[in-house]
Amino acid sequence: TLTPQQYKVLTMLTEGLLNKQIAYDLNVSEATIKAHLTAIFRKLDVKNRTQAVILLQQLELHSLAQ
């Protein structure tokens, strides 16, 4: 399970935001965002931001279908 902050970062990824933009919006450092992304990728068992976004979209579609 993702923390609320990690979920927020992942959601912002789906909007196409860069690490720097996410960091600015959340008022944290870019290094913090990179740490969140590393944890997100590990928890979701994906290798990059594209795979993470696709997985989130698939999960959202699956939950809508139920």
C-alpha atoms as a PDB file:
ATOM      1  CA  THR A   1       0.000   0.000   0.000  1.00  0.00           C
ATOM      2  CA  LEU A   2       1.131   3.504  -0.805  1.00  0.00           C
ATOM      3  CA  THR A   3       1.251   6.256   1.757  1.00  0.00           C
ATOM      4  CA  PRO A   4      -1.103   9.201   1.144  1.00  0.00           C
ATOM      5  CA  GLN A   5       1.867  11.324   0.019  1.00  0.00           C
ATOM      6  CA  GLN A   6       3.099   8.612  -2.359  1.00  0.00           C
ATOM      7  CA  TYR A   7      -0.389   8.288  -3.828  1.00  0.00           C
ATOM      8  CA  LYS A   8      -0.516  12.049  -4.317  1.00  0.00           C
ATOM      9  CA  VAL A   9       2.854  11.965  -6.118  1.00  0.00           C
ATOM     10  CA  LEU A  10       1.674   9.083  -8.314  1.00  0.00           C
ATOM     11  CA  THR A  11      -1.525  10.951  -9.153  1.00  0.00           C
ATOM     12  CA  MET A  12       0.517  13.997 -10.149  1.00  0.00           C
ATOM     13  CA  LEU A  13       2.620  11.761 -12.399  1.00  0.00           C
ATOM     14  CA  THR A  14      -0.546  10.825 -14.287  1.00  0.00           C
ATOM     15  CA  GLU A  15      -1.018  14.542 -14.980  1.00  0.00           C
ATOM     16  CA  GLY A  16       2.359  14.542 -16.740  1.00  0.00           C
ATOM     17  CA  LEU A  17       4.121  16.716 -14.185  1.00  0.00           C
ATOM     18  CA  LEU A  18       7.895  16.668 -13.850  1.00  0.00           C
ATOM     19  CA  ASN A  19       9.645  15.935 -10.550  1.00  0.00           C
ATOM     20  CA  LYS A  20      10.489  19.615 -10.184  1.00  0.00           C
ATOM     21  CA  GLN A  21       6.843  20.641 -10.685  1.00  0.00           C
ATOM     22  CA  ILE A  22       5.588  18.050  -8.200  1.00  0.00           C
ATOM     23  CA  ALA A  23       8.182  19.164  -5.648  1.00  0.00           C
ATOM     24  CA  TYR A  24       7.116  22.789  -6.049  1.00  0.00           C
ATOM     25  CA  ASP A  25       3.399  21.973  -5.751  1.00  0.00           C
ATOM     26  CA  LEU A  26       3.938  19.866  -2.614  1.00  0.00           C
ATOM     27  CA  ASN A  27       6.487  22.272  -1.148  1.00  0.00           C
ATOM     28  CA  VAL A  28       9.192  19.624  -0.800  1.00  0.00           C
ATOM     29  CA  SER A  29      12.597  19.097  -2.417  1.00  0.00           C
ATOM     30  CA  GLU A  30      13.099  17.347  -5.712  1.00  0.00           C
ATOM     31  CA  ALA A  31      15.180  14.750  -3.819  1.00  0.00           C
ATOM     32  CA  THR A  32      12.113  13.961  -1.688  1.00  0.00           C
ATOM     33  CA  ILE A  33      10.069  13.357  -4.832  1.00  0.00           C
ATOM     34  CA  LYS A  34      12.770  11.059  -6.200  1.00  0.00           C
ATOM     35  CA  ALA A  35      12.722   9.108  -2.921  1.00  0.00           C
ATOM     36  CA  HIS A  36       8.928   8.820  -3.125  1.00  0.00           C
ATOM     37  CA  LEU A  37       9.179   7.589  -6.723  1.00  0.00           C
ATOM     38  CA  THR A  38      11.753   4.957  -5.786  1.00  0.00           C
ATOM     39  CA  ALA A  39       9.445   3.684  -3.040  1.00  0.00           C
ATOM     40  CA  ILE A  40       6.404   3.784  -5.361  1.00  0.00           C
ATOM     41  CA  PHE A  41       8.215   1.827  -8.091  1.00  0.00           C
ATOM     42  CA  ARG A  42       9.362  -0.782  -5.554  1.00  0.00           C
ATOM     43  CA  LYS A  43       5.904  -1.160  -4.005  1.00  0.00           C
ATOM     44  CA  LEU A  44       4.166  -1.412  -7.389  1.00  0.00           C
ATOM     45  CA  ASP A  45       6.925  -3.616  -8.845  1.00  0.00           C
ATOM     46  CA  VAL A  46       7.462  -1.353 -11.855  1.00  0.00           C
ATOM     47  CA  LYS A  47      10.634   0.057 -13.380  1.00  0.00           C
ATOM     48  CA  ASN A  48       9.665   3.575 -14.435  1.00  0.00           C
ATOM     49  CA  ARG A  49       7.059   6.322 -14.238  1.00  0.00           C
ATOM     50  CA  THR A  50       5.287   5.218 -17.420  1.00  0.00           C
ATOM     51  CA  GLN A  51       4.680   1.731 -16.025  1.00  0.00           C
ATOM     52  CA  ALA A  52       3.495   3.230 -12.719  1.00  0.00           C
ATOM     53  CA  VAL A  53       0.983   5.505 -14.470  1.00  0.00           C
ATOM     54  CA  ILE A  54      -0.332   2.667 -16.650  1.00  0.00           C
ATOM     55  CA  LEU A  55      -0.746   0.441 -13.595  1.00  0.00           C
ATOM     56  CA  LEU A  56      -2.637   3.155 -11.702  1.00  0.00           C
ATOM     57  CA  GLN A  57      -4.953   3.707 -14.667  1.00  0.00           C
ATOM     58  CA  GLN A  58      -5.611  -0.040 -14.955  1.00  0.00           C
ATOM     59  CA  LEU A  59      -6.394  -0.250 -11.229  1.00  0.00           C
ATOM     60  CA  GLU A  60      -8.767   2.721 -11.469  1.00  0.00           C
ATOM     61  CA  LEU A  61     -10.552   1.170 -14.452  1.00  0.00           C
ATOM     62  CA  HIS A  62     -10.814  -2.142 -12.616  1.00  0.00           C
ATOM     63  CA  SER A  63     -12.339  -0.507  -9.551  1.00  0.00           C
ATOM     64  CA  LEU A  64     -14.818   1.415 -11.722  1.00  0.00           C
ATOM     65  CA  ALA A  65     -15.905  -1.805 -13.400  1.00  0.00           C
ATOM     66  CA  GLN A  66     -16.840  -3.412 -10.086  1.00  0.00           C
END
